[in-house]
Amino acid sequence: ARSSTESEYRALADTTSEILWLRWLLADLETSQSSPTNLYCDNRSAIQIAHNDVFHERTKHIEIDCHFIRQHLLHGELHLISIGTLDQPADLFTKPHSPGRFRTLVSKLKLVTAPPT
């Protein structure tokens, strides 16, 4: 990736693919989801690219991903939501944290520790 924005945007495209696959799986199981799937991103520039239908020299190399994400936003399958960097629960899996920060992020995911058996 040439920038953090490009990296975040490519991650949005990959996540969009995963979301669509899960939505199709649910439909095959006759448990479809009618409301848009919330997709959280902590990079405002990536969110702006997703909603902006004008391409610039700086975004031309990610144009296919732009069309892909925008198509699913327009069809109402996704709802792209800005989230603060400190509130991003996905960071739990990608960055080291202090014990207190770790517990905070785990609580945001609604994960609990199972008692030993």
PDB file of N, CA and C in Angstrom:
ATOM      1  N   ALA A   1       0.843  -1.188   0.000  1.00  0.00           N
ATOM      2  CA  ALA A   1       0.000   0.000   0.000  1.00  0.00           C
ATOM      3  C   ALA A   1       0.878   1.237   0.000  1.00  0.00           C
ATOM      4  N   ARG A   2       0.422   2.243  -0.678  1.00  0.00           N
ATOM      5  CA  ARG A   2       1.195   3.473  -0.777  1.00  0.00           C
ATOM      6  C   ARG A   2       0.927   4.418   0.380  1.00  0.00           C
ATOM      7  N   SER A   3      -0.161   4.220   1.077  1.00  0.00           N
ATOM      8  CA  SER A   3      -0.491   5.096   2.198  1.00  0.00           C
ATOM      9  C   SER A   3      -1.389   4.343   3.169  1.00  0.00           C
ATOM     10  N   SER A   4      -1.570   4.918   4.352  1.00  0.00           N
ATOM     11  CA  SER A   4      -2.471   4.287   5.322  1.00  0.00           C
ATOM     12  C   SER A   4      -3.911   4.328   4.808  1.00  0.00           C
ATOM     13  N   THR A   5      -4.263   5.375   4.062  1.00  0.00           N
ATOM     14  CA  THR A   5      -5.615   5.460   3.503  1.00  0.00           C
ATOM     15  C   THR A   5      -5.843   4.327   2.510  1.00  0.00           C
ATOM     16  N   GLU A   6      -4.858   4.094   1.644  1.00  0.00           N
ATOM     17  CA  GLU A   6      -5.003   3.004   0.676  1.00  0.00           C
ATOM     18  C   GLU A   6      -5.103   1.660   1.387  1.00  0.00           C
ATOM     19  N   SER A   7      -4.292   1.476   2.390  1.00  0.00           N
ATOM     20  CA  SER A   7      -4.321   0.238   3.153  1.00  0.00           C
ATOM     21  C   SER A   7      -5.682   0.030   3.821  1.00  0.00           C
ATOM     22  N   GLU A   8      -6.197   1.074   4.446  1.00  0.00           N
ATOM     23  CA  GLU A   8      -7.520   0.994   5.087  1.00  0.00           C
ATOM     24  C   GLU A   8      -8.605   0.738   4.045  1.00  0.00           C
ATOM     25  N   TYR A   9      -8.484   1.374   2.883  1.00  0.00           N
ATOM     26  CA  TYR A   9      -9.502   1.216   1.853  1.00  0.00           C
ATOM     27  C   TYR A   9      -9.492  -0.204   1.301  1.00  0.00           C
ATOM     28  N   ARG A  10      -8.315  -0.759   1.117  1.00  0.00           N
ATOM     29  CA  ARG A  10      -8.230  -2.141   0.641  1.00  0.00           C
ATOM     30  C   ARG A  10      -8.794  -3.097   1.704  1.00  0.00           C
ATOM     31  N   ALA A  11      -8.581  -2.785   2.966  1.00  0.00           N
ATOM     32  CA  ALA A  11      -9.166  -3.596   4.038  1.00  0.00           C
ATOM     33  C   ALA A  11     -10.696  -3.500   4.005  1.00  0.00           C
ATOM     34  N   LEU A  12     -11.230  -2.305   3.700  1.00  0.00           N
ATOM     35  CA  LEU A  12     -12.683  -2.154   3.553  1.00  0.00           C
ATOM     36  C   LEU A  12     -13.198  -3.030   2.417  1.00  0.00           C
ATOM     37  N   ALA A  13     -12.473  -3.059   1.309  1.00  0.00           N
ATOM     38  CA  ALA A  13     -12.889  -3.878   0.166  1.00  0.00           C
ATOM     39  C   ALA A  13     -12.868  -5.362   0.533  1.00  0.00           C
ATOM     40  N   ASP A  14     -11.818  -5.802   1.221  1.00  0.00           N
ATOM     41  CA  ASP A  14     -11.740  -7.207   1.643  1.00  0.00           C
ATOM     42  C   ASP A  14     -12.869  -7.548   2.610  1.00  0.00           C
ATOM     43  N   THR A  15     -13.127  -6.650   3.538  1.00  0.00           N
ATOM     44  CA  THR A  15     -14.196  -6.874   4.512  1.00  0.00           C
ATOM     45  C   THR A  15     -15.555  -6.871   3.834  1.00  0.00           C
ATOM     46  N   THR A  16     -15.731  -6.007   2.851  1.00  0.00           N
ATOM     47  CA  THR A  16     -16.978  -5.985   2.086  1.00  0.00           C
ATOM     48  C   THR A  16     -17.207  -7.332   1.416  1.00  0.00           C
ATOM     49  N   SER A  17     -16.170  -7.913   0.846  1.00  0.00           N
ATOM     50  CA  SER A  17     -16.289  -9.240   0.223  1.00  0.00           C
ATOM     51  C   SER A  17     -16.727 -10.282   1.249  1.00  0.00           C
ATOM     52  N   GLU A  18     -16.140 -10.228   2.428  1.00  0.00           N
ATOM     53  CA  GLU A  18     -16.508 -11.175   3.489  1.00  0.00           C
ATOM     54  C   GLU A  18     -17.958 -10.979   3.929  1.00  0.00           C
ATOM     55  N   ILE A  19     -18.356  -9.722   4.067  1.00  0.00           N
ATOM     56  CA  ILE A  19     -19.734  -9.417   4.470  1.00  0.00           C
ATOM     57  C   ILE A  19     -20.714  -9.955   3.437  1.00  0.00           C
ATOM     58  N   LEU A  20     -20.429  -9.731   2.166  1.00  0.00           N
ATOM     59  CA  LEU A  20     -21.329 -10.211   1.112  1.00  0.00           C
ATOM     60  C   LEU A  20     -21.427 -11.727   1.119  1.00  0.00           C
ATOM     61  N   TRP A  21     -20.292 -12.395   1.319  1.00  0.00           N
ATOM     62  CA  TRP A  21     -20.315 -13.851   1.377  1.00  0.00           C
ATOM     63  C   TRP A  21     -21.192 -14.324   2.537  1.00  0.00           C
ATOM     64  N   LEU A  22     -21.051 -13.691   3.699  1.00  0.00           N
ATOM     65  CA  LEU A  22     -21.864 -14.070   4.862  1.00  0.00           C
ATOM     66  C   LEU A  22     -23.345 -13.778   4.629  1.00  0.00           C
ATOM     67  N   ARG A  23     -23.644 -12.659   3.962  1.00  0.00           N
ATOM     68  CA  ARG A  23     -25.047 -12.346   3.650  1.00  0.00           C
ATOM     69  C   ARG A  23     -25.635 -13.391   2.703  1.00  0.00           C
ATOM     70  N   TRP A  24     -24.833 -13.813   1.695  1.00  0.00           N
ATOM     71  CA  TRP A  24     -25.299 -14.847   0.765  1.00  0.00           C
ATOM     72  C   TRP A  24     -25.482 -16.180   1.487  1.00  0.00           C
ATOM     73  N   LEU A  25     -24.580 -16.497   2.409  1.00  0.00           N
ATOM     74  CA  LEU A  25     -24.713 -17.724   3.187  1.00  0.00           C
ATOM     75  C   LEU A  25     -26.005 -17.695   4.010  1.00  0.00           C
ATOM     76  N   LEU A  26     -26.264 -16.587   4.656  1.00  0.00           N
ATOM     77  CA  LEU A  26     -27.512 -16.458   5.428  1.00  0.00           C
ATOM     78  C   LEU A  26     -28.732 -16.630   4.536  1.00  0.00           C
ATOM     79  N   ALA A  27     -28.678 -16.049   3.344  1.00  0.00           N
ATOM     80  CA  ALA A  27     -29.806 -16.184   2.414  1.00  0.00           C
ATOM     81  C   ALA A  27     -29.991 -17.652   2.011  1.00  0.00           C
ATOM     82  N   ASP A  28     -28.889 -18.365   1.775  1.00  0.00           N
ATOM     83  CA  ASP A  28     -28.990 -19.793   1.438  1.00  0.00           C
ATOM     84  C   ASP A  28     -29.579 -20.600   2.581  1.00  0.00           C
ATOM     85  N   LEU A  29     -29.324 -20.147   3.802  1.00  0.00           N
ATOM     86  CA  LEU A  29     -29.879 -20.818   4.984  1.00  0.00           C
ATOM     87  C   LEU A  29     -31.277 -20.315   5.312  1.00  0.00           C
ATOM     88  N   GLU A  30     -31.831 -19.496   4.412  1.00  0.00           N
ATOM     89  CA  GLU A  30     -33.159 -18.904   4.549  1.00  0.00           C
ATOM     90  C   GLU A  30     -33.287 -18.058   5.812  1.00  0.00           C
ATOM     91  N   THR A  31     -32.201 -17.369   6.148  1.00  0.00           N
ATOM     92  CA  THR A  31     -32.173 -16.436   7.265  1.00  0.00           C
ATOM     93  C   THR A  31     -31.525 -15.155   6.757  1.00  0.00           C
ATOM     94  N   SER A  32     -32.170 -14.506   5.818  1.00  0.00           N
ATOM     95  CA  SER A  32     -31.551 -13.342   5.184  1.00  0.00           C
ATOM     96  C   SER A  32     -31.553 -12.131   6.111  1.00  0.00           C
ATOM     97  N   GLN A  33     -30.689 -11.209   5.802  1.00  0.00           N
ATOM     98  CA  GLN A  33     -30.565  -9.967   6.555  1.00  0.00           C
ATOM     99  C   GLN A  33     -31.051  -8.838   5.655  1.00  0.00           C
ATOM    100  N   SER A  34     -32.116  -8.176   6.044  1.00  0.00           N
ATOM    101  CA  SER A  34     -32.681  -7.129   5.194  1.00  0.00           C
ATOM    102  C   SER A  34     -32.044  -5.762   5.441  1.00  0.00           C
ATOM    103  N   SER A  35     -31.546  -5.535   6.632  1.00  0.00           N
ATOM    104  CA  SER A  35     -30.942  -4.232   6.940  1.00  0.00           C
ATOM    105  C   SER A  35     -29.474  -4.221   6.519  1.00  0.00           C
ATOM    106  N   PRO A  36     -28.924  -3.030   6.278  1.00  0.00           N
ATOM    107  CA  PRO A  36     -27.508  -2.948   5.903  1.00  0.00           C
ATOM    108  C   PRO A  36     -26.607  -3.447   7.030  1.00  0.00           C
ATOM    109  N   THR A  37     -25.472  -3.996   6.661  1.00  0.00           N
ATOM    110  CA  THR A  37     -24.468  -4.421   7.634  1.00  0.00           C
ATOM    111  C   THR A  37     -23.596  -3.219   7.968  1.00  0.00           C
ATOM    112  N   ASN A  38     -23.442  -2.931   9.246  1.00  0.00           N
ATOM    113  CA  ASN A  38     -22.579  -1.828   9.665  1.00  0.00           C
ATOM    114  C   ASN A  38     -21.119  -2.218   9.486  1.00  0.00           C
ATOM    115  N   LEU A  39     -20.369  -1.331   8.850  1.00  0.00           N
ATOM    116  CA  LEU A  39     -18.942  -1.528   8.638  1.00  0.00           C
ATOM    117  C   LEU A  39     -18.235  -0.314   9.215  1.00  0.00           C
ATOM    118  N   TYR A  40     -17.433  -0.525  10.250  1.00  0.00           N
ATOM    119  CA  TYR A  40     -16.775   0.563  10.959  1.00  0.00           C
ATOM    120  C   TYR A  40     -15.368   0.792  10.417  1.00  0.00           C
ATOM    121  N   CYS A  41     -15.001   2.058  10.281  1.00  0.00           N
ATOM    122  CA  CYS A  41     -13.665   2.410   9.780  1.00  0.00           C
ATOM    123  C   CYS A  41     -13.162   3.619  10.565  1.00  0.00           C
ATOM    124  N   ASP A  42     -11.885   3.579  10.954  1.00  0.00           N
ATOM    125  CA  ASP A  42     -11.318   4.697  11.711  1.00  0.00           C
ATOM    126  C   ASP A  42     -10.470   5.619  10.837  1.00  0.00           C
ATOM    127  N   ASN A  43     -10.620   5.523   9.520  1.00  0.00           N
ATOM    128  CA  ASN A  43      -9.863   6.379   8.608  1.00  0.00           C
ATOM    129  C   ASN A  43     -10.847   7.214   7.794  1.00  0.00           C
ATOM    130  N   ARG A  44     -10.958   8.499   8.148  1.00  0.00           N
ATOM    131  CA  ARG A  44     -11.932   9.375   7.486  1.00  0.00           C
ATOM    132  C   ARG A  44     -11.676   9.518   5.989  1.00  0.00           C
ATOM    133  N   SER A  45     -10.411   9.508   5.580  1.00  0.00           N
ATOM    134  CA  SER A  45     -10.100   9.622   4.155  1.00  0.00           C
ATOM    135  C   SER A  45     -10.637   8.419   3.384  1.00  0.00           C
ATOM    136  N   ALA A  46     -10.514   7.227   3.945  1.00  0.00           N
ATOM    137  CA  ALA A  46     -11.038   6.031   3.292  1.00  0.00           C
ATOM    138  C   ALA A  46     -12.559   6.109   3.175  1.00  0.00           C
ATOM    139  N   ILE A  47     -13.214   6.626   4.196  1.00  0.00           N
ATOM    140  CA  ILE A  47     -14.669   6.776   4.157  1.00  0.00           C
ATOM    141  C   ILE A  47     -15.066   7.789   3.082  1.00  0.00           C
ATOM    142  N   GLN A  48     -14.330   8.884   2.977  1.00  0.00           N
ATOM    143  CA  GLN A  48     -14.622   9.882   1.952  1.00  0.00           C
ATOM    144  C   GLN A  48     -14.457   9.302   0.552  1.00  0.00           C
ATOM    145  N   ILE A  49     -13.429   8.499   0.340  1.00  0.00           N
ATOM    146  CA  ILE A  49     -13.238   7.871  -0.967  1.00  0.00           C
ATOM    147  C   ILE A  49     -14.433   6.974  -1.295  1.00  0.00           C
ATOM    148  N   ALA A  50     -14.928   6.235  -0.309  1.00  0.00           N
ATOM    149  CA  ALA A  50     -16.057   5.331  -0.534  1.00  0.00           C
ATOM    150  C   ALA A  50     -17.315   6.076  -0.962  1.00  0.00           C
ATOM    151  N   HIS A  51     -17.501   7.273  -0.450  1.00  0.00           N
ATOM    152  CA  HIS A  51     -18.719   8.039  -0.754  1.00  0.00           C
ATOM    153  C   HIS A  51     -18.550   9.020  -1.910  1.00  0.00           C
ATOM    154  N   ASN A  52     -17.329   9.244  -2.375  1.00  0.00           N
ATOM    155  CA  ASN A  52     -17.056  10.228  -3.418  1.00  0.00           C
ATOM    156  C   ASN A  52     -16.973   9.518  -4.765  1.00  0.00           C
ATOM    157  N   ASP A  53     -17.825   9.896  -5.712  1.00  0.00           N
ATOM    158  CA  ASP A  53     -17.797   9.230  -7.011  1.00  0.00           C
ATOM    159  C   ASP A  53     -16.863   9.908  -8.013  1.00  0.00           C
ATOM    160  N   VAL A  54     -16.047  10.850  -7.559  1.00  0.00           N
ATOM    161  CA  VAL A  54     -15.075  11.519  -8.417  1.00  0.00           C
ATOM    162  C   VAL A  54     -13.694  10.956  -8.080  1.00  0.00           C
ATOM    163  N   PHE A  55     -12.992  10.501  -9.105  1.00  0.00           N
ATOM    164  CA  PHE A  55     -11.666   9.944  -8.894  1.00  0.00           C
ATOM    165  C   PHE A  55     -10.610  10.998  -9.165  1.00  0.00           C
ATOM    166  N   HIS A  56      -9.542  10.911  -8.439  1.00  0.00           N
ATOM    167  CA  HIS A  56      -8.416  11.820  -8.585  1.00  0.00           C
ATOM    168  C   HIS A  56      -7.176  10.985  -8.899  1.00  0.00           C
ATOM    169  N   GLU A  57      -6.115  11.624  -9.270  1.00  0.00           N
ATOM    170  CA  GLU A  57      -4.861  10.911  -9.543  1.00  0.00           C
ATOM    171  C   GLU A  57      -4.432  10.068  -8.345  1.00  0.00           C
ATOM    172  N   ARG A  58      -4.681  10.560  -7.140  1.00  0.00           N
ATOM    173  CA  ARG A  58      -4.229   9.857  -5.944  1.00  0.00           C
ATOM    174  C   ARG A  58      -5.055   8.604  -5.655  1.00  0.00           C
ATOM    175  N   THR A  59      -6.277   8.510  -6.205  1.00  0.00           N
ATOM    176  CA  THR A  59      -7.125   7.343  -5.926  1.00  0.00           C
ATOM    177  C   THR A  59      -7.311   6.453  -7.151  1.00  0.00           C
ATOM    178  N   LYS A  60      -6.710   6.825  -8.270  1.00  0.00           N
ATOM    179  CA  LYS A  60      -6.927   6.080  -9.511  1.00  0.00           C
ATOM    180  C   LYS A  60      -6.509   4.608  -9.392  1.00  0.00           C
ATOM    181  N   HIS A  61      -5.433   4.324  -8.653  1.00  0.00           N
ATOM    182  CA  HIS A  61      -4.933   2.958  -8.549  1.00  0.00           C
ATOM    183  C   HIS A  61      -5.807   2.059  -7.668  1.00  0.00           C
ATOM    184  N   ILE A  62      -6.778   2.613  -6.971  1.00  0.00           N
ATOM    185  CA  ILE A  62      -7.703   1.779  -6.188  1.00  0.00           C
ATOM    186  C   ILE A  62      -9.129   1.918  -6.726  1.00  0.00           C
ATOM    187  N   GLU A  63      -9.249   2.293  -7.989  1.00  0.00           N
ATOM    188  CA  GLU A  63     -10.546   2.576  -8.596  1.00  0.00           C
ATOM    189  C   GLU A  63     -11.487   1.371  -8.579  1.00  0.00           C
ATOM    190  N   ILE A  64     -10.992   0.169  -8.848  1.00  0.00           N
ATOM    191  CA  ILE A  64     -11.856  -1.012  -8.866  1.00  0.00           C
ATOM    192  C   ILE A  64     -12.459  -1.249  -7.487  1.00  0.00           C
ATOM    193  N   ASP A  65     -11.626  -1.144  -6.436  1.00  0.00           N
ATOM    194  CA  ASP A  65     -12.149  -1.284  -5.079  1.00  0.00           C
ATOM    195  C   ASP A  65     -13.177  -0.199  -4.778  1.00  0.00           C
ATOM    196  N   CYS A  66     -12.946   1.015  -5.280  1.00  0.00           N
ATOM    197  CA  CYS A  66     -13.884   2.119  -5.050  1.00  0.00           C
ATOM    198  C   CYS A  66     -15.254   1.783  -5.622  1.00  0.00           C
ATOM    199  N   HIS A  67     -15.277   1.303  -6.861  1.00  0.00           N
ATOM    200  CA  HIS A  67     -16.553   0.948  -7.488  1.00  0.00           C
ATOM    201  C   HIS A  67     -17.233  -0.186  -6.739  1.00  0.00           C
ATOM    202  N   PHE A  68     -16.455  -1.154  -6.297  1.00  0.00           N
ATOM    203  CA  PHE A  68     -16.995  -2.318  -5.599  1.00  0.00           C
ATOM    204  C   PHE A  68     -17.685  -1.903  -4.301  1.00  0.00           C
ATOM    205  N   ILE A  69     -16.994  -1.133  -3.479  1.00  0.00           N
ATOM    206  CA  ILE A  69     -17.571  -0.717  -2.197  1.00  0.00           C
ATOM    207  C   ILE A  69     -18.757   0.206  -2.425  1.00  0.00           C
ATOM    208  N   ARG A  70     -18.598   1.185  -3.307  1.00  0.00           N
ATOM    209  CA  ARG A  70     -19.667   2.153  -3.553  1.00  0.00           C
ATOM    210  C   ARG A  70     -20.940   1.471  -4.049  1.00  0.00           C
ATOM    211  N   GLN A  71     -20.786   0.469  -4.913  1.00  0.00           N
ATOM    212  CA  GLN A  71     -21.944  -0.267  -5.432  1.00  0.00           C
ATOM    213  C   GLN A  71     -22.764  -0.865  -4.287  1.00  0.00           C
ATOM    214  N   HIS A  72     -22.081  -1.448  -3.319  1.00  0.00           N
ATOM    215  CA  HIS A  72     -22.800  -2.105  -2.223  1.00  0.00           C
ATOM    216  C   HIS A  72     -23.327  -1.097  -1.196  1.00  0.00           C
ATOM    217  N   LEU A  73     -22.693   0.054  -1.098  1.00  0.00           N
ATOM    218  CA  LEU A  73     -23.249   1.131  -0.271  1.00  0.00           C
ATOM    219  C   LEU A  73     -24.548   1.633  -0.897  1.00  0.00           C
ATOM    220  N   LEU A  74     -24.518   1.846  -2.208  1.00  0.00           N
ATOM    221  CA  LEU A  74     -25.701   2.361  -2.910  1.00  0.00           C
ATOM    222  C   LEU A  74     -26.852   1.364  -2.920  1.00  0.00           C
ATOM    223  N   HIS A  75     -26.549   0.068  -2.943  1.00  0.00           N
ATOM    224  CA  HIS A  75     -27.601  -0.950  -2.922  1.00  0.00           C
ATOM    225  C   HIS A  75     -28.132  -1.209  -1.515  1.00  0.00           C
ATOM    226  N   GLY A  76     -27.583  -0.513  -0.523  1.00  0.00           N
ATOM    227  CA  GLY A  76     -28.085  -0.639   0.837  1.00  0.00           C
ATOM    228  C   GLY A  76     -27.646  -1.898   1.561  1.00  0.00           C
ATOM    229  N   GLU A  77     -26.593  -2.544   1.080  1.00  0.00           N
ATOM    230  CA  GLU A  77     -26.102  -3.739   1.756  1.00  0.00           C
ATOM    231  C   GLU A  77     -25.121  -3.393   2.873  1.00  0.00           C
ATOM    232  N   LEU A  78     -24.509  -2.220   2.768  1.00  0.00           N
ATOM    233  CA  LEU A  78     -23.526  -1.765   3.750  1.00  0.00           C
ATOM    234  C   LEU A  78     -23.894  -0.390   4.275  1.00  0.00           C
ATOM    235  N   HIS A  79     -23.490  -0.137   5.502  1.00  0.00           N
ATOM    236  CA  HIS A  79     -23.569   1.193   6.095  1.00  0.00           C
ATOM    237  C   HIS A  79     -22.193   1.468   6.671  1.00  0.00           C
ATOM    238  N   LEU A  80     -21.457   2.372   6.046  1.00  0.00           N
ATOM    239  CA  LEU A  80     -20.091   2.687   6.458  1.00  0.00           C
ATOM    240  C   LEU A  80     -20.129   3.737   7.562  1.00  0.00           C
ATOM    241  N   ILE A  81     -19.545   3.411   8.708  1.00  0.00           N
ATOM    242  CA  ILE A  81     -19.621   4.266   9.885  1.00  0.00           C
ATOM    243  C   ILE A  81     -18.215   4.631  10.358  1.00  0.00           C
ATOM    244  N   SER A  82     -18.024   5.899  10.623  1.00  0.00           N
ATOM    245  CA  SER A  82     -16.745   6.374  11.162  1.00  0.00           C
ATOM    246  C   SER A  82     -16.679   6.047  12.647  1.00  0.00           C
ATOM    247  N   ILE A  83     -15.521   5.567  13.065  1.00  0.00           N
ATOM    248  CA  ILE A  83     -15.316   5.242  14.478  1.00  0.00           C
ATOM    249  C   ILE A  83     -13.961   5.811  14.894  1.00  0.00           C
ATOM    250  N   GLY A  84     -13.875   6.323  16.091  1.00  0.00           N
ATOM    251  CA  GLY A  84     -12.624   6.869  16.583  1.00  0.00           C
ATOM    252  C   GLY A  84     -11.562   5.790  16.713  1.00  0.00           C
ATOM    253  N   THR A  85     -10.325   6.159  16.495  1.00  0.00           N
ATOM    254  CA  THR A  85      -9.230   5.195  16.559  1.00  0.00           C
ATOM    255  C   THR A  85      -9.183   4.480  17.907  1.00  0.00           C
ATOM    256  N   LEU A  86      -9.441   5.190  18.991  1.00  0.00           N
ATOM    257  CA  LEU A  86      -9.400   4.556  20.314  1.00  0.00           C
ATOM    258  C   LEU A  86     -10.584   3.632  20.560  1.00  0.00           C
ATOM    259  N   ASP A  87     -11.639   3.766  19.751  1.00  0.00           N
ATOM    260  CA  ASP A  87     -12.835   2.944  19.928  1.00  0.00           C
ATOM    261  C   ASP A  87     -12.904   1.770  18.959  1.00  0.00           C
ATOM    262  N   GLN A  88     -11.853   1.556  18.168  1.00  0.00           N
ATOM    263  CA  GLN A  88     -11.859   0.527  17.131  1.00  0.00           C
ATOM    264  C   GLN A  88     -11.570  -0.852  17.740  1.00  0.00           C
ATOM    265  N   PRO A  89     -12.613  -1.672  17.926  1.00  0.00           N
ATOM    266  CA  PRO A  89     -12.386  -2.979  18.555  1.00  0.00           C
ATOM    267  C   PRO A  89     -11.507  -3.912  17.719  1.00  0.00           C
ATOM    268  N   ALA A  90     -11.445  -3.723  16.417  1.00  0.00           N
ATOM    269  CA  ALA A  90     -10.612  -4.593  15.583  1.00  0.00           C
ATOM    270  C   ALA A  90      -9.136  -4.476  15.958  1.00  0.00           C
ATOM    271  N   ASP A  91      -8.745  -3.354  16.548  1.00  0.00           N
ATOM    272  CA  ASP A  91      -7.349  -3.185  16.962  1.00  0.00           C
ATOM    273  C   ASP A  91      -6.930  -4.214  18.008  1.00  0.00           C
ATOM    274  N   LEU A  92      -7.894  -4.813  18.666  1.00  0.00           N
ATOM    275  CA  LEU A  92      -7.613  -5.862  19.641  1.00  0.00           C
ATOM    276  C   LEU A  92      -6.788  -6.974  19.006  1.00  0.00           C
ATOM    277  N   PHE A  93      -7.028  -7.241  17.723  1.00  0.00           N
ATOM    278  CA  PHE A  93      -6.382  -8.359  17.043  1.00  0.00           C
ATOM    279  C   PHE A  93      -5.144  -7.956  16.245  1.00  0.00           C
ATOM    280  N   THR A  94      -4.869  -6.658  16.164  1.00  0.00           N
ATOM    281  CA  THR A  94      -3.781  -6.221  15.280  1.00  0.00           C
ATOM    282  C   THR A  94      -2.668  -5.449  15.968  1.00  0.00           C
ATOM    283  N   LYS A  95      -2.860  -5.033  17.213  1.00  0.00           N
ATOM    284  CA  LYS A  95      -1.871  -4.201  17.893  1.00  0.00           C
ATOM    285  C   LYS A  95      -1.679  -4.660  19.336  1.00  0.00           C
ATOM    286  N   PRO A  96      -0.488  -4.424  19.887  1.00  0.00           N
ATOM    287  CA  PRO A  96      -0.284  -4.748  21.304  1.00  0.00           C
ATOM    288  C   PRO A  96      -0.975  -3.702  22.189  1.00  0.00           C
ATOM    289  N   HIS A  97      -1.461  -4.129  23.351  1.00  0.00           N
ATOM    290  CA  HIS A  97      -2.173  -3.229  24.260  1.00  0.00           C
ATOM    291  C   HIS A  97      -1.781  -3.504  25.707  1.00  0.00           C
ATOM    292  N   SER A  98      -1.958  -2.494  26.527  1.00  0.00           N
ATOM    293  CA  SER A  98      -1.795  -2.697  27.966  1.00  0.00           C
ATOM    294  C   SER A  98      -2.960  -3.562  28.447  1.00  0.00           C
ATOM    295  N   PRO A  99      -2.834  -4.179  29.619  1.00  0.00           N
ATOM    296  CA  PRO A  99      -3.939  -5.017  30.116  1.00  0.00           C
ATOM    297  C   PRO A  99      -5.268  -4.261  30.238  1.00  0.00           C
ATOM    298  N   GLY A 100      -5.215  -3.017  30.709  1.00  0.00           N
ATOM    299  CA  GLY A 100      -6.450  -2.241  30.845  1.00  0.00           C
ATOM    300  C   GLY A 100      -7.104  -1.950  29.503  1.00  0.00           C
ATOM    301  N   ARG A 101      -6.299  -1.542  28.534  1.00  0.00           N
ATOM    302  CA  ARG A 101      -6.814  -1.261  27.179  1.00  0.00           C
ATOM    303  C   ARG A 101      -7.350  -2.541  26.543  1.00  0.00           C
ATOM    304  N   PHE A 102      -6.662  -3.641  26.766  1.00  0.00           N
ATOM    305  CA  PHE A 102      -7.101  -4.932  26.243  1.00  0.00           C
ATOM    306  C   PHE A 102      -8.497  -5.272  26.770  1.00  0.00           C
ATOM    307  N   ARG A 103      -8.695  -5.122  28.090  1.00  0.00           N
ATOM    308  CA  ARG A 103     -10.007  -5.417  28.681  1.00  0.00           C
ATOM    309  C   ARG A 103     -11.085  -4.501  28.122  1.00  0.00           C
ATOM    310  N   THR A 104     -10.749  -3.226  27.897  1.00  0.00           N
ATOM    311  CA  THR A 104     -11.718  -2.282  27.334  1.00  0.00           C
ATOM    312  C   THR A 104     -12.159  -2.727  25.939  1.00  0.00           C
ATOM    313  N   LEU A 105     -11.194  -3.106  25.110  1.00  0.00           N
ATOM    314  CA  LEU A 105     -11.539  -3.538  23.752  1.00  0.00           C
ATOM    315  C   LEU A 105     -12.318  -4.851  23.757  1.00  0.00           C
ATOM    316  N   VAL A 106     -11.952  -5.773  24.622  1.00  0.00           N
ATOM    317  CA  VAL A 106     -12.698  -7.029  24.723  1.00  0.00           C
ATOM    318  C   VAL A 106     -14.139  -6.743  25.125  1.00  0.00           C
ATOM    319  N   SER A 107     -14.339  -5.810  26.048  1.00  0.00           N
ATOM    320  CA  SER A 107     -15.703  -5.491  26.481  1.00  0.00           C
ATOM    321  C   SER A 107     -16.524  -4.900  25.334  1.00  0.00           C
ATOM    322  N   LYS A 108     -15.887  -4.174  24.418  1.00  0.00           N
ATOM    323  CA  LYS A 108     -16.597  -3.616  23.266  1.00  0.00           C
ATOM    324  C   LYS A 108     -17.068  -4.721  22.315  1.00  0.00           C
ATOM    325  N   LEU A 109     -16.343  -5.835  22.302  1.00  0.00           N
ATOM    326  CA  LEU A 109     -16.726  -6.963  21.454  1.00  0.00           C
ATOM    327  C   LEU A 109     -17.757  -7.859  22.122  1.00  0.00           C
ATOM    328  N   LYS A 110     -18.072  -7.561  23.366  1.00  0.00           N
ATOM    329  CA  LYS A 110     -19.025  -8.359  24.142  1.00  0.00           C
ATOM    330  C   LYS A 110     -18.521  -9.794  24.332  1.00  0.00           C
ATOM    331  N   LEU A 111     -17.195  -9.940  24.443  1.00  0.00           N
ATOM    332  CA  LEU A 111     -16.593 -11.240  24.707  1.00  0.00           C
ATOM    333  C   LEU A 111     -16.470 -11.441  26.208  1.00  0.00           C
ATOM    334  N   VAL A 112     -16.634 -12.655  26.646  1.00  0.00           N
ATOM    335  CA  VAL A 112     -16.486 -12.970  28.062  1.00  0.00           C
ATOM    336  C   VAL A 112     -15.565 -14.167  28.212  1.00  0.00           C
ATOM    337  N   THR A 113     -14.935 -14.263  29.335  1.00  0.00           N
ATOM    338  CA  THR A 113     -14.062 -15.389  29.629  1.00  0.00           C
ATOM    339  C   THR A 113     -14.912 -16.544  30.125  1.00  0.00           C
ATOM    340  N   ALA A 114     -14.728 -17.690  29.514  1.00  0.00           N
ATOM    341  CA  ALA A 114     -15.473 -18.880  29.942  1.00  0.00           C
ATOM    342  C   ALA A 114     -14.787 -19.462  31.172  1.00  0.00           C
ATOM    343  N   PRO A 115     -15.571 -19.879  32.152  1.00  0.00           N
ATOM    344  CA  PRO A 115     -14.957 -20.492  33.342  1.00  0.00           C
ATOM    345  C   PRO A 115     -14.304 -21.818  32.962  1.00  0.00           C
ATOM    346  N   PRO A 116     -13.218 -22.186  33.649  1.00  0.00           N
ATOM    347  CA  PRO A 116     -12.570 -23.469  33.338  1.00  0.00           C
ATOM    348  C   PRO A 116     -13.515 -24.630  33.595  1.00  0.00           C
ATOM    349  N   THR A 117     -13.358 -25.652  32.783  1.00  0.00           N
ATOM    350  CA  THR A 117     -14.252 -26.825  32.955  1.00  0.00           C
ATOM    351  C   THR A 117     -13.525 -27.973  33.599  1.00  0.00           C
TER     352      THR A 117
END
